[in-house]
Amino acid sequence: MRVLGVETSCDETGVAVYDSERGLMAHCLHSQSDTHAVYGGVVPELASRDHIRRISPLIQEVLARAGSDRHDLDALAYTRGPGLAGALLVGASVARSMAWALQRPGLGVHHMEAHLLAPMLEEQAPSFPFVALLVSGGHTMLVRVDGVGRYQVLGQSLDDAAGEAFDKTAKLLGLSYPGGPAVASLANTGDPQRFRFPRPMTDRPGLDFSFSGLKTFTANTAQSAGEDEATRADLARGFEEAMVDTLVTKCRRALAETGVSRLVVAGGVGANARLRERLDALDATEVFYPRIDFCTDNGAMIAYAGHARLSAGESGDNDFNVTPRWDLASLTAPAA
């Protein structure tokens, strides 16, 4: 089975071809970071317009790289949600139109399901069950995964997502968008001992997250600490240390509570080097990551997730819809 995957949930246009026998054949990605950087965050209307400009050329490019023709495709998968409604509609429109024209199945994929299955694209892929830390600009959650569509949400952010907190902290420190890489780069020269930031919700039971207070603490500390470069680096390091400590503490707790020994880390914040270093040091735990290119939104994870569901017996449908707000816990296993 050969599946074309299309991702347009936010500010990346991703397209890929995944084949049952050959694996990932090709993928292309266009990032809109430069477009949105001047605004300090994603502007939905600009995101939608850029997806419209980019998607058709990217589909042609990825098919050429795969040495494939559109008629060789057996199915099309696209991000149905969650995400920005206008951006989602671009990918859904194109993928559904192609499916109809080619008389192939079309399948709407859950964006977060695709993220947690992204490590399956790697040579060393995890086996079920595992605990997944999904940590990105829009989502932070811990999920027990027993199979495709068999998910138990263990905990999630009650306010800001981790990536959103990175973006807001970067803006406070006068750094560029996206904030995660910018804060991490500045933190490399910072003193981890100068500022002690709170580790939110680690002193109470449970697996939920809250990062709005950490952002507020950063803002208040920055206002009183000064604006020289060394202080900015120390603030970035203090924030990053607090974020990493919080995520690692919750992961350790989730693994202990479930009795599962495998951890999958997915989403843009999963590319953070300090987070990976700390998680790799967890005792008696196998940790799996997608390659750095697949931590952020991409078409390869959509193609794989669509392939996984279709291979397990799920059939495509002719419904044309997107779901900007879509609870991961509402998904079910494919009906064989």
C-alpha atoms as a PDB file:
ATOM      1  CA  MET A   1       0.000   0.000   0.000  1.00  0.00           C
ATOM      2  CA  ARG A   2       1.336   3.419  -1.005  1.00  0.00           C
ATOM      3  CA  VAL A   3      -0.035   6.463   0.858  1.00  0.00           C
ATOM      4  CA  LEU A   4       0.423  10.173   0.223  1.00  0.00           C
ATOM      5  CA  GLY A   5       0.311  12.167   3.454  1.00  0.00           C
ATOM      6  CA  VAL A   6      -0.506  15.886   3.643  1.00  0.00           C
ATOM      7  CA  GLU A   7       0.046  18.049   6.746  1.00  0.00           C
ATOM      8  CA  THR A   8      -1.289  21.625   6.991  1.00  0.00           C
ATOM      9  CA  SER A   9      -2.418  21.975  10.607  1.00  0.00           C
ATOM     10  CA  CYS A  10      -0.482  25.142  11.449  1.00  0.00           C
ATOM     11  CA  ASP A  11       2.629  26.758   9.956  1.00  0.00           C
ATOM     12  CA  GLU A  12       4.348  23.900   8.122  1.00  0.00           C
ATOM     13  CA  THR A  13       3.289  22.446   4.791  1.00  0.00           C
ATOM     14  CA  GLY A  14       4.395  18.810   4.726  1.00  0.00           C
ATOM     15  CA  VAL A  15       3.933  16.122   2.088  1.00  0.00           C
ATOM     16  CA  ALA A  16       5.296  12.559   2.032  1.00  0.00           C
ATOM     17  CA  VAL A  17       4.876   9.163   0.410  1.00  0.00           C
ATOM     18  CA  TYR A  18       4.967   6.016   2.570  1.00  0.00           C
ATOM     19  CA  ASP A  19       4.959   2.506   1.108  1.00  0.00           C
ATOM     20  CA  SER A  20       4.268  -0.789   2.920  1.00  0.00           C
ATOM     21  CA  GLU A  21       7.314  -2.510   1.449  1.00  0.00           C
ATOM     22  CA  ARG A  22       9.736   0.354   0.854  1.00  0.00           C
ATOM     23  CA  GLY A  23       8.966   2.473   3.889  1.00  0.00           C
ATOM     24  CA  LEU A  24       9.252   6.243   3.623  1.00  0.00           C
ATOM     25  CA  MET A  25       9.945   6.941  -0.033  1.00  0.00           C
ATOM     26  CA  ALA A  26      10.161  10.743   0.042  1.00  0.00           C
ATOM     27  CA  HIS A  27       9.099  13.759   2.063  1.00  0.00           C
ATOM     28  CA  CYS A  28       9.113  17.534   1.578  1.00  0.00           C
ATOM     29  CA  LEU A  29       8.512  20.272   4.105  1.00  0.00           C
ATOM     30  CA  HIS A  30       8.101  24.017   3.887  1.00  0.00           C
ATOM     31  CA  SER A  31       8.286  26.003   7.133  1.00  0.00           C
ATOM     32  CA  GLN A  32       6.601  29.373   7.500  1.00  0.00           C
ATOM     33  CA  SER A  33       8.776  30.435  10.464  1.00  0.00           C
ATOM     34  CA  ASP A  34      10.251  33.410   8.633  1.00  0.00           C
ATOM     35  CA  THR A  35       6.777  34.614   7.611  1.00  0.00           C
ATOM     36  CA  HIS A  36       5.447  34.623  11.167  1.00  0.00           C
ATOM     37  CA  ALA A  37       8.640  35.630  13.012  1.00  0.00           C
ATOM     38  CA  VAL A  38       7.968  39.342  12.514  1.00  0.00           C
ATOM     39  CA  TYR A  39       4.655  38.938  14.378  1.00  0.00           C
ATOM     40  CA  GLY A  40       6.077  36.801  17.186  1.00  0.00           C
ATOM     41  CA  GLY A  41       3.613  33.986  16.506  1.00  0.00           C
ATOM     42  CA  VAL A  42       1.452  32.345  13.875  1.00  0.00           C
ATOM     43  CA  VAL A  43      -1.024  34.535  11.984  1.00  0.00           C
ATOM     44  CA  PRO A  44      -3.775  32.107  10.863  1.00  0.00           C
ATOM     45  CA  GLU A  45      -4.773  33.931   7.674  1.00  0.00           C
ATOM     46  CA  LEU A  46      -1.162  34.167   6.481  1.00  0.00           C
ATOM     47  CA  ALA A  47      -0.649  30.491   7.300  1.00  0.00           C
ATOM     48  CA  SER A  48      -3.647  29.458   5.190  1.00  0.00           C
ATOM     49  CA  ARG A  49      -2.560  31.566   2.218  1.00  0.00           C
ATOM     50  CA  ASP A  50       0.944  30.149   2.298  1.00  0.00           C
ATOM     51  CA  HIS A  51      -0.367  26.566   2.410  1.00  0.00           C
ATOM     52  CA  ILE A  52      -2.399  27.313  -0.735  1.00  0.00           C
ATOM     53  CA  ARG A  53       0.730  28.570  -2.529  1.00  0.00           C
ATOM     54  CA  ARG A  54       2.967  25.700  -1.456  1.00  0.00           C
ATOM     55  CA  ILE A  55       0.924  22.536  -1.384  1.00  0.00           C
ATOM     56  CA  SER A  56       0.584  21.664  -5.081  1.00  0.00           C
ATOM     57  CA  PRO A  57       4.269  22.229  -5.923  1.00  0.00           C
ATOM     58  CA  LEU A  58       5.269  20.169  -2.872  1.00  0.00           C
ATOM     59  CA  ILE A  59       3.025  17.273  -3.943  1.00  0.00           C
ATOM     60  CA  GLN A  60       4.600  17.315  -7.389  1.00  0.00           C
ATOM     61  CA  GLU A  61       8.081  17.460  -5.861  1.00  0.00           C
ATOM     62  CA  VAL A  62       7.540  14.600  -3.412  1.00  0.00           C
ATOM     63  CA  LEU A  63       6.069  12.351  -6.110  1.00  0.00           C
ATOM     64  CA  ALA A  64       9.074  13.089  -8.326  1.00  0.00           C
ATOM     65  CA  ARG A  65      11.498  12.306  -5.472  1.00  0.00           C
ATOM     66  CA  ALA A  66       9.655   9.054  -4.827  1.00  0.00           C
ATOM     67  CA  GLY A  67       9.865   8.133  -8.499  1.00  0.00           C
ATOM     68  CA  SER A  68       6.124   7.717  -8.353  1.00  0.00           C
ATOM     69  CA  ASP A  69       3.040   8.917 -10.176  1.00  0.00           C
ATOM     70  CA  ARG A  70      -0.214   9.993  -8.586  1.00  0.00           C
ATOM     71  CA  HIS A  71      -1.874   6.959 -10.169  1.00  0.00           C
ATOM     72  CA  ASP A  72       0.529   4.735  -8.188  1.00  0.00           C
ATOM     73  CA  LEU A  73      -1.032   5.929  -4.949  1.00  0.00           C
ATOM     74  CA  ASP A  74      -3.361   3.558  -3.120  1.00  0.00           C
ATOM     75  CA  ALA A  75      -4.700   6.086  -0.613  1.00  0.00           C
ATOM     76  CA  LEU A  76      -4.406   9.666   0.590  1.00  0.00           C
ATOM     77  CA  ALA A  77      -4.147  10.812   4.210  1.00  0.00           C
ATOM     78  CA  TYR A  78      -4.413  14.354   5.510  1.00  0.00           C
ATOM     79  CA  THR A  79      -4.502  16.123   8.854  1.00  0.00           C
ATOM     80  CA  ARG A  80      -8.139  16.500   9.861  1.00  0.00           C
ATOM     81  CA  GLY A  81      -7.327  18.107  13.225  1.00  0.00           C
ATOM     82  CA  PRO A  82      -6.596  19.493  15.681  1.00  0.00           C
ATOM     83  CA  GLY A  83      -5.196  22.721  14.265  1.00  0.00           C
ATOM     84  CA  LEU A  84      -6.102  26.022  12.637  1.00  0.00           C
ATOM     85  CA  ALA A  85      -9.395  25.665  10.768  1.00  0.00           C
ATOM     86  CA  GLY A  86      -8.315  27.561   7.659  1.00  0.00           C
ATOM     87  CA  ALA A  87      -4.986  25.775   7.420  1.00  0.00           C
ATOM     88  CA  LEU A  88      -6.621  22.360   7.900  1.00  0.00           C
ATOM     89  CA  LEU A  89      -9.125  23.121   5.136  1.00  0.00           C
ATOM     90  CA  VAL A  90      -6.334  23.632   2.605  1.00  0.00           C
ATOM     91  CA  GLY A  91      -4.868  20.163   3.103  1.00  0.00           C
ATOM     92  CA  ALA A  92      -8.272  18.510   3.390  1.00  0.00           C
ATOM     93  CA  SER A  93      -9.499  20.155   0.167  1.00  0.00           C
ATOM     94  CA  VAL A  94      -6.490  19.067  -1.859  1.00  0.00           C
ATOM     95  CA  ALA A  95      -6.252  15.536  -0.465  1.00  0.00           C
ATOM     96  CA  ARG A  96     -10.006  14.910  -0.752  1.00  0.00           C
ATOM     97  CA  SER A  97     -10.046  16.230  -4.321  1.00  0.00           C
ATOM     98  CA  MET A  98      -7.171  13.948  -5.300  1.00  0.00           C
ATOM     99  CA  ALA A  99      -8.836  10.965  -3.625  1.00  0.00           C
ATOM    100  CA  TRP A 100     -12.068  11.644  -5.494  1.00  0.00           C
ATOM    101  CA  ALA A 101     -10.338  12.172  -8.846  1.00  0.00           C
ATOM    102  CA  LEU A 102      -8.193   9.030  -8.472  1.00  0.00           C
ATOM    103  CA  GLN A 103     -11.030   7.009  -6.923  1.00  0.00           C
ATOM    104  CA  ARG A 104      -8.827   6.145  -3.953  1.00  0.00           C
ATOM    105  CA  PRO A 105      -9.619   6.072  -0.233  1.00  0.00           C
ATOM    106  CA  GLY A 106      -9.090   9.321   1.651  1.00  0.00           C
ATOM    107  CA  LEU A 107      -8.538   9.362   5.400  1.00  0.00           C
ATOM    108  CA  GLY A 108      -8.489  12.251   7.877  1.00  0.00           C
ATOM    109  CA  VAL A 109      -5.728  11.735  10.480  1.00  0.00           C
ATOM    110  CA  HIS A 110      -5.493  13.012  14.051  1.00  0.00           C
ATOM    111  CA  HIS A 111      -2.444  15.267  14.257  1.00  0.00           C
ATOM    112  CA  MET A 112      -1.378  14.102  17.725  1.00  0.00           C
ATOM    113  CA  GLU A 113      -1.832  10.434  16.865  1.00  0.00           C
ATOM    114  CA  ALA A 114       0.548  11.011  13.967  1.00  0.00           C
ATOM    115  CA  HIS A 115       3.092  12.613  16.304  1.00  0.00           C
ATOM    116  CA  LEU A 116       3.059   9.731  18.772  1.00  0.00           C
ATOM    117  CA  LEU A 117       3.460   7.207  15.931  1.00  0.00           C
ATOM    118  CA  ALA A 118       6.303   9.177  14.274  1.00  0.00           C
ATOM    119  CA  PRO A 119       9.087   7.097  15.941  1.00  0.00           C
ATOM    120  CA  MET A 120       7.693   4.089  14.033  1.00  0.00           C
ATOM    121  CA  LEU A 121       9.385   5.588  10.970  1.00  0.00           C
ATOM    122  CA  GLU A 122      12.802   4.938  12.498  1.00  0.00           C
ATOM    123  CA  GLU A 123      14.919   1.794  12.137  1.00  0.00           C
ATOM    124  CA  GLN A 124      14.793   1.271  15.909  1.00  0.00           C
ATOM    125  CA  ALA A 125      11.044   1.575  16.425  1.00  0.00           C
ATOM    126  CA  PRO A 126       9.285   1.013  19.750  1.00  0.00           C
ATOM    127  CA  SER A 127       6.881  -1.840  20.319  1.00  0.00           C
ATOM    128  CA  PHE A 128       3.576  -1.547  22.166  1.00  0.00           C
ATOM    129  CA  PRO A 129       2.819  -0.709  24.912  1.00  0.00           C
ATOM    130  CA  PHE A 130       4.654   2.532  25.590  1.00  0.00           C
ATOM    131  CA  VAL A 131       4.127   5.860  27.306  1.00  0.00           C
ATOM    132  CA  ALA A 132       4.280   8.858  24.984  1.00  0.00           C
ATOM    133  CA  LEU A 133       5.215  12.399  25.955  1.00  0.00           C
ATOM    134  CA  LEU A 134       3.636  14.640  23.320  1.00  0.00           C
ATOM    135  CA  VAL A 135       5.187  18.045  23.817  1.00  0.00           C
ATOM    136  CA  SER A 136       4.737  20.797  21.246  1.00  0.00           C
ATOM    137  CA  GLY A 137       3.607  24.371  20.738  1.00  0.00           C
ATOM    138  CA  GLY A 138      -0.052  23.490  21.113  1.00  0.00           C
ATOM    139  CA  HIS A 139      -0.074  20.357  23.246  1.00  0.00           C
ATOM    140  CA  THR A 140       1.604  18.815  26.271  1.00  0.00           C
ATOM    141  CA  MET A 141       0.315  15.427  27.360  1.00  0.00           C
ATOM    142  CA  LEU A 142       1.297  11.984  28.593  1.00  0.00           C
ATOM    143  CA  VAL A 143      -0.445   9.069  26.896  1.00  0.00           C
ATOM    144  CA  ARG A 144      -0.369   5.324  27.428  1.00  0.00           C
ATOM    145  CA  VAL A 145      -0.315   3.673  23.992  1.00  0.00           C
ATOM    146  CA  ASP A 146      -1.340   0.024  23.699  1.00  0.00           C
ATOM    147  CA  GLY A 147      -1.772   0.015  19.921  1.00  0.00           C
ATOM    148  CA  VAL A 148      -3.016   2.156  17.049  1.00  0.00           C
ATOM    149  CA  GLY A 149      -6.120   3.914  18.332  1.00  0.00           C
ATOM    150  CA  ARG A 150      -5.755   2.443  21.818  1.00  0.00           C
ATOM    151  CA  TYR A 151      -4.846   5.487  23.888  1.00  0.00           C
ATOM    152  CA  GLN A 152      -5.273   6.483  27.508  1.00  0.00           C
ATOM    153  CA  VAL A 153      -4.520  10.126  28.280  1.00  0.00           C
ATOM    154  CA  LEU A 154      -2.680  10.095  31.620  1.00  0.00           C
ATOM    155  CA  GLY A 155      -2.181  13.839  31.999  1.00  0.00           C
ATOM    156  CA  GLN A 156      -2.144  17.063  30.016  1.00  0.00           C
ATOM    157  CA  SER A 157      -1.549  20.778  30.319  1.00  0.00           C
ATOM    158  CA  LEU A 158      -4.248  22.713  32.116  1.00  0.00           C
ATOM    159  CA  ASP A 159      -3.190  25.977  30.450  1.00  0.00           C
ATOM    160  CA  ASP A 160      -0.140  26.809  28.299  1.00  0.00           C
ATOM    161  CA  ALA A 161       1.572  24.046  26.376  1.00  0.00           C
ATOM    162  CA  ALA A 162       5.336  23.664  26.855  1.00  0.00           C
ATOM    163  CA  GLY A 163       6.124  24.999  23.390  1.00  0.00           C
ATOM    164  CA  GLU A 164       3.831  27.966  23.951  1.00  0.00           C
ATOM    165  CA  ALA A 165       5.698  28.731  27.193  1.00  0.00           C
ATOM    166  CA  PHE A 166       8.993  28.621  25.278  1.00  0.00           C
ATOM    167  CA  ASP A 167       7.592  31.037  22.669  1.00  0.00           C
ATOM    168  CA  LYS A 168       6.348  33.491  25.298  1.00  0.00           C
ATOM    169  CA  THR A 169       9.636  33.325  27.203  1.00  0.00           C
ATOM    170  CA  ALA A 170      11.566  33.985  24.007  1.00  0.00           C
ATOM    171  CA  LYS A 171       9.438  37.076  23.385  1.00  0.00           C
ATOM    172  CA  LEU A 172      10.109  38.296  26.955  1.00  0.00           C
ATOM    173  CA  LEU A 173      13.843  37.918  26.359  1.00  0.00           C
ATOM    174  CA  GLY A 174      13.764  39.642  22.986  1.00  0.00           C
ATOM    175  CA  LEU A 175      14.451  36.437  21.057  1.00  0.00           C
ATOM    176  CA  SER A 176      13.126  35.302  17.713  1.00  0.00           C
ATOM    177  CA  TYR A 177      10.210  33.007  16.865  1.00  0.00           C
ATOM    178  CA  PRO A 178       9.968  30.015  17.172  1.00  0.00           C
ATOM    179  CA  GLY A 179      11.038  30.304  20.791  1.00  0.00           C
ATOM    180  CA  GLY A 180      12.213  26.793  21.631  1.00  0.00           C
ATOM    181  CA  PRO A 181      15.452  26.762  19.612  1.00  0.00           C
ATOM    182  CA  ALA A 182      16.161  30.426  20.452  1.00  0.00           C
ATOM    183  CA  VAL A 183      15.796  29.926  24.222  1.00  0.00           C
ATOM    184  CA  ALA A 184      17.831  26.688  24.144  1.00  0.00           C
ATOM    185  CA  SER A 185      20.647  28.375  22.225  1.00  0.00           C
ATOM    186  CA  LEU A 186      20.857  31.299  24.641  1.00  0.00           C
ATOM    187  CA  ALA A 187      20.593  28.946  27.643  1.00  0.00           C
ATOM    188  CA  ASN A 188      23.792  27.166  26.590  1.00  0.00           C
ATOM    189  CA  THR A 189      25.817  30.132  27.884  1.00  0.00           C
ATOM    190  CA  GLY A 190      23.711  30.682  31.008  1.00  0.00           C
ATOM    191  CA  ASP A 191      24.445  29.894  34.659  1.00  0.00           C
ATOM    192  CA  PRO A 192      22.003  27.194  35.895  1.00  0.00           C
ATOM    193  CA  GLN A 193      22.563  28.221  39.534  1.00  0.00           C
ATOM    194  CA  ARG A 194      21.749  31.934  39.362  1.00  0.00           C
ATOM    195  CA  PHE A 195      17.942  31.696  39.113  1.00  0.00           C
ATOM    196  CA  ARG A 196      15.779  28.996  40.684  1.00  0.00           C
ATOM    197  CA  PHE A 197      12.496  28.769  38.793  1.00  0.00           C
ATOM    198  CA  PRO A 198       9.469  26.823  40.092  1.00  0.00           C
ATOM    199  CA  ARG A 199       8.780  23.277  38.868  1.00  0.00           C
ATOM    200  CA  PRO A 200       4.996  23.524  38.423  1.00  0.00           C
ATOM    201  CA  MET A 201       2.780  20.770  39.861  1.00  0.00           C
ATOM    202  CA  THR A 202       5.688  18.444  40.676  1.00  0.00           C
ATOM    203  CA  ASP A 203       5.033  18.683  44.428  1.00  0.00           C
ATOM    204  CA  ARG A 204       1.578  17.120  44.194  1.00  0.00           C
ATOM    205  CA  PRO A 205       0.236  13.795  42.863  1.00  0.00           C
ATOM    206  CA  GLY A 206      -0.940  13.480  39.290  1.00  0.00           C
ATOM    207  CA  LEU A 207       0.358  13.784  35.763  1.00  0.00           C
ATOM    208  CA  ASP A 208      -1.164  17.064  34.602  1.00  0.00           C
ATOM    209  CA  PHE A 209       0.971  20.066  33.641  1.00  0.00           C
ATOM    210  CA  SER A 210       0.676  23.823  34.123  1.00  0.00           C
ATOM    211  CA  PHE A 211       3.111  26.304  32.605  1.00  0.00           C
ATOM    212  CA  SER A 212       1.320  29.668  32.830  1.00  0.00           C
ATOM    213  CA  GLY A 213       2.783  30.316  36.300  1.00  0.00           C
ATOM    214  CA  LEU A 214       6.272  29.509  35.072  1.00  0.00           C
ATOM    215  CA  LYS A 215       5.836  32.050  32.295  1.00  0.00           C
ATOM    216  CA  THR A 216       4.633  34.677  34.798  1.00  0.00           C
ATOM    217  CA  PHE A 217       7.571  33.952  37.128  1.00  0.00           C
ATOM    218  CA  THR A 218       9.942  34.400  34.180  1.00  0.00           C
ATOM    219  CA  ALA A 219       8.343  37.741  33.295  1.00  0.00           C
ATOM    220  CA  ASN A 220       8.548  39.050  36.858  1.00  0.00           C
ATOM    221  CA  THR A 221      12.136  37.879  37.312  1.00  0.00           C
ATOM    222  CA  ALA A 222      13.225  39.362  33.985  1.00  0.00           C
ATOM    223  CA  GLN A 223      11.670  42.713  34.900  1.00  0.00           C
ATOM    224  CA  SER A 224      13.715  42.989  38.096  1.00  0.00           C
ATOM    225  CA  ALA A 225      16.951  41.269  37.055  1.00  0.00           C
ATOM    226  CA  GLY A 226      18.258  43.572  34.341  1.00  0.00           C
ATOM    227  CA  GLU A 227      18.703  43.369  30.583  1.00  0.00           C
ATOM    228  CA  ASP A 228      22.407  42.631  30.038  1.00  0.00           C
ATOM    229  CA  GLU A 229      23.305  39.643  27.874  1.00  0.00           C
ATOM    230  CA  ALA A 230      24.612  37.506  30.745  1.00  0.00           C
ATOM    231  CA  THR A 231      21.379  37.984  32.700  1.00  0.00           C
ATOM    232  CA  ARG A 232      19.276  37.089  29.661  1.00  0.00           C
ATOM    233  CA  ALA A 233      21.307  33.895  29.224  1.00  0.00           C
ATOM    234  CA  ASP A 234      20.927  33.033  32.914  1.00  0.00           C
ATOM    235  CA  LEU A 235      17.169  33.591  32.702  1.00  0.00           C
ATOM    236  CA  ALA A 236      16.935  31.365  29.621  1.00  0.00           C
ATOM    237  CA  ARG A 237      18.922  28.649  31.392  1.00  0.00           C
ATOM    238  CA  GLY A 238      16.815  28.895  34.548  1.00  0.00           C
ATOM    239  CA  PHE A 239      13.609  28.629  32.532  1.00  0.00           C
ATOM    240  CA  GLU A 240      14.877  25.696  30.464  1.00  0.00           C
ATOM    241  CA  GLU A 241      16.095  23.824  33.562  1.00  0.00           C
ATOM    242  CA  ALA A 242      12.665  24.243  35.182  1.00  0.00           C
ATOM    243  CA  MET A 243      10.855  23.081  32.049  1.00  0.00           C
ATOM    244  CA  VAL A 244      13.079  20.032  31.599  1.00  0.00           C
ATOM    245  CA  ASP A 245      12.899  19.076  35.275  1.00  0.00           C
ATOM    246  CA  THR A 246       9.116  19.269  35.186  1.00  0.00           C
ATOM    247  CA  LEU A 247       8.786  17.142  32.045  1.00  0.00           C
ATOM    248  CA  VAL A 248      11.273  14.539  33.292  1.00  0.00           C
ATOM    249  CA  THR A 249       9.580  14.298  36.708  1.00  0.00           C
ATOM    250  CA  LYS A 250       6.194  13.689  35.114  1.00  0.00           C
ATOM    251  CA  CYS A 251       7.611  11.111  32.672  1.00  0.00           C
ATOM    252  CA  ARG A 252       9.280   9.214  35.496  1.00  0.00           C
ATOM    253  CA  ARG A 253       6.016   9.253  37.433  1.00  0.00           C
ATOM    254  CA  ALA A 254       3.977   8.057  34.431  1.00  0.00           C
ATOM    255  CA  LEU A 255       6.346   5.152  33.772  1.00  0.00           C
ATOM    256  CA  ALA A 256       6.204   4.114  37.434  1.00  0.00           C
ATOM    257  CA  GLU A 257       2.402   4.318  37.608  1.00  0.00           C
ATOM    258  CA  THR A 258       1.825   2.340  34.402  1.00  0.00           C
ATOM    259  CA  GLY A 259       4.636  -0.172  34.855  1.00  0.00           C
ATOM    260  CA  VAL A 260       5.661   0.431  31.237  1.00  0.00           C
ATOM    261  CA  SER A 261       9.387   0.555  30.451  1.00  0.00           C
ATOM    262  CA  ARG A 262       9.280   2.253  27.030  1.00  0.00           C
ATOM    263  CA  LEU A 263       8.971   6.009  26.545  1.00  0.00           C
ATOM    264  CA  VAL A 264       8.308   7.801  23.260  1.00  0.00           C
ATOM    265  CA  VAL A 265       8.982  11.543  23.008  1.00  0.00           C
ATOM    266  CA  ALA A 266       7.374  13.437  20.140  1.00  0.00           C
ATOM    267  CA  GLY A 267       6.599  17.023  19.172  1.00  0.00           C
ATOM    268  CA  GLY A 268       8.784  20.060  18.606  1.00  0.00           C
ATOM    269  CA  VAL A 269       9.987  20.432  22.207  1.00  0.00           C
ATOM    270  CA  GLY A 270      11.164  16.807  21.969  1.00  0.00           C
ATOM    271  CA  ALA A 271      14.098  18.116  19.926  1.00  0.00           C
ATOM    272  CA  ASN A 272      15.487  19.945  22.984  1.00  0.00           C
ATOM    273  CA  ALA A 273      18.968  18.521  23.639  1.00  0.00           C
ATOM    274  CA  ARG A 274      18.878  18.993  27.431  1.00  0.00           C
ATOM    275  CA  LEU A 275      15.512  17.211  27.652  1.00  0.00           C
ATOM    276  CA  ARG A 276      16.827  14.286  25.615  1.00  0.00           C
ATOM    277  CA  GLU A 277      19.940  14.032  27.755  1.00  0.00           C
ATOM    278  CA  ARG A 278      17.917  13.886  30.955  1.00  0.00           C
ATOM    279  CA  LEU A 279      15.385  11.383  29.619  1.00  0.00           C
ATOM    280  CA  ASP A 280      18.127   9.116  28.248  1.00  0.00           C
ATOM    281  CA  ALA A 281      19.494   8.888  31.793  1.00  0.00           C
ATOM    282  CA  LEU A 282      16.266   7.448  33.237  1.00  0.00           C
ATOM    283  CA  ASP A 283      16.918   4.045  34.810  1.00  0.00           C
ATOM    284  CA  ALA A 284      15.529   0.874  33.187  1.00  0.00           C
ATOM    285  CA  THR A 285      13.780   2.843  30.458  1.00  0.00           C
ATOM    286  CA  GLU A 286      14.043   2.605  26.676  1.00  0.00           C
ATOM    287  CA  VAL A 287      13.526   6.035  25.146  1.00  0.00           C
ATOM    288  CA  PHE A 288      12.566   6.519  21.507  1.00  0.00           C
ATOM    289  CA  TYR A 289      12.518   9.722  19.469  1.00  0.00           C
ATOM    290  CA  PRO A 290      11.659  10.565  15.883  1.00  0.00           C
ATOM    291  CA  ARG A 291      14.551  12.078  13.952  1.00  0.00           C
ATOM    292  CA  ILE A 292      14.897  15.823  14.476  1.00  0.00           C
ATOM    293  CA  ASP A 293      13.206  16.590  11.132  1.00  0.00           C
ATOM    294  CA  PHE A 294      10.107  14.712  12.288  1.00  0.00           C
ATOM    295  CA  CYS A 295       9.802  16.319  15.731  1.00  0.00           C
ATOM    296  CA  THR A 296       8.009  19.296  14.213  1.00  0.00           C
ATOM    297  CA  ASP A 297       4.939  18.935  11.994  1.00  0.00           C
ATOM    298  CA  ASN A 298       5.598  16.949   8.814  1.00  0.00           C
ATOM    299  CA  GLY A 299       3.903  14.918   6.109  1.00  0.00           C
ATOM    300  CA  ALA A 300       5.786  11.694   6.855  1.00  0.00           C
ATOM    301  CA  MET A 301       3.996  11.126  10.169  1.00  0.00           C
ATOM    302  CA  ILE A 302       0.616  11.755   8.488  1.00  0.00           C
ATOM    303  CA  ALA A 303       1.399   9.296   5.705  1.00  0.00           C
ATOM    304  CA  TYR A 304       2.501   6.678   8.254  1.00  0.00           C
ATOM    305  CA  ALA A 305      -0.502   7.166  10.543  1.00  0.00           C
ATOM    306  CA  GLY A 306      -2.875   6.923   7.586  1.00  0.00           C
ATOM    307  CA  HIS A 307      -1.084   3.805   6.386  1.00  0.00           C
ATOM    308  CA  ALA A 308      -1.240   2.230   9.864  1.00  0.00           C
ATOM    309  CA  ARG A 309      -4.990   2.726  10.149  1.00  0.00           C
ATOM    310  CA  LEU A 310      -5.780   1.635   6.596  1.00  0.00           C
ATOM    311  CA  SER A 311      -3.558  -1.456   6.942  1.00  0.00           C
ATOM    312  CA  ALA A 312      -5.380  -2.362  10.167  1.00  0.00           C
ATOM    313  CA  GLY A 313      -8.698  -2.451   8.325  1.00  0.00           C
ATOM    314  CA  GLU A 314     -10.028   1.092   8.541  1.00  0.00           C
ATOM    315  CA  SER A 315     -11.645   2.282   5.345  1.00  0.00           C
ATOM    316  CA  GLY A 316     -11.543   5.768   3.997  1.00  0.00           C
ATOM    317  CA  ASP A 317     -14.725   7.789   3.695  1.00  0.00           C
ATOM    318  CA  ASN A 318     -16.135  10.544   1.534  1.00  0.00           C
ATOM    319  CA  ASP A 319     -16.763  12.991   4.365  1.00  0.00           C
ATOM    320  CA  PHE A 320     -15.225  16.406   3.858  1.00  0.00           C
ATOM    321  CA  ASN A 321     -14.645  17.919   7.260  1.00  0.00           C
ATOM    322  CA  VAL A 322     -11.963  19.195   9.564  1.00  0.00           C
ATOM    323  CA  THR A 323     -11.934  19.153  13.373  1.00  0.00           C
ATOM    324  CA  PRO A 324      -9.931  22.086  14.795  1.00  0.00           C
ATOM    325  CA  ARG A 325     -10.575  20.788  18.331  1.00  0.00           C
ATOM    326  CA  TRP A 326     -10.323  17.013  18.501  1.00  0.00           C
ATOM    327  CA  ASP A 327      -9.738  15.067  21.695  1.00  0.00           C
ATOM    328  CA  LEU A 328      -7.141  12.311  21.307  1.00  0.00           C
ATOM    329  CA  ALA A 329      -9.002  10.195  23.874  1.00  0.00           C
ATOM    330  CA  SER A 330     -12.001  10.038  21.516  1.00  0.00           C
ATOM    331  CA  LEU A 331     -10.097   7.928  18.973  1.00  0.00           C
ATOM    332  CA  THR A 332     -10.777   4.213  18.718  1.00  0.00           C
ATOM    333  CA  ALA A 333      -8.827   1.311  17.239  1.00  0.00           C
ATOM    334  CA  PRO A 334      -9.413   0.598  13.532  1.00  0.00           C
ATOM    335  CA  ALA A 335     -12.259  -1.837  12.908  1.00  0.00           C
ATOM    336  CA  ALA A 336     -10.750  -4.823  11.111  1.00  0.00           C
END
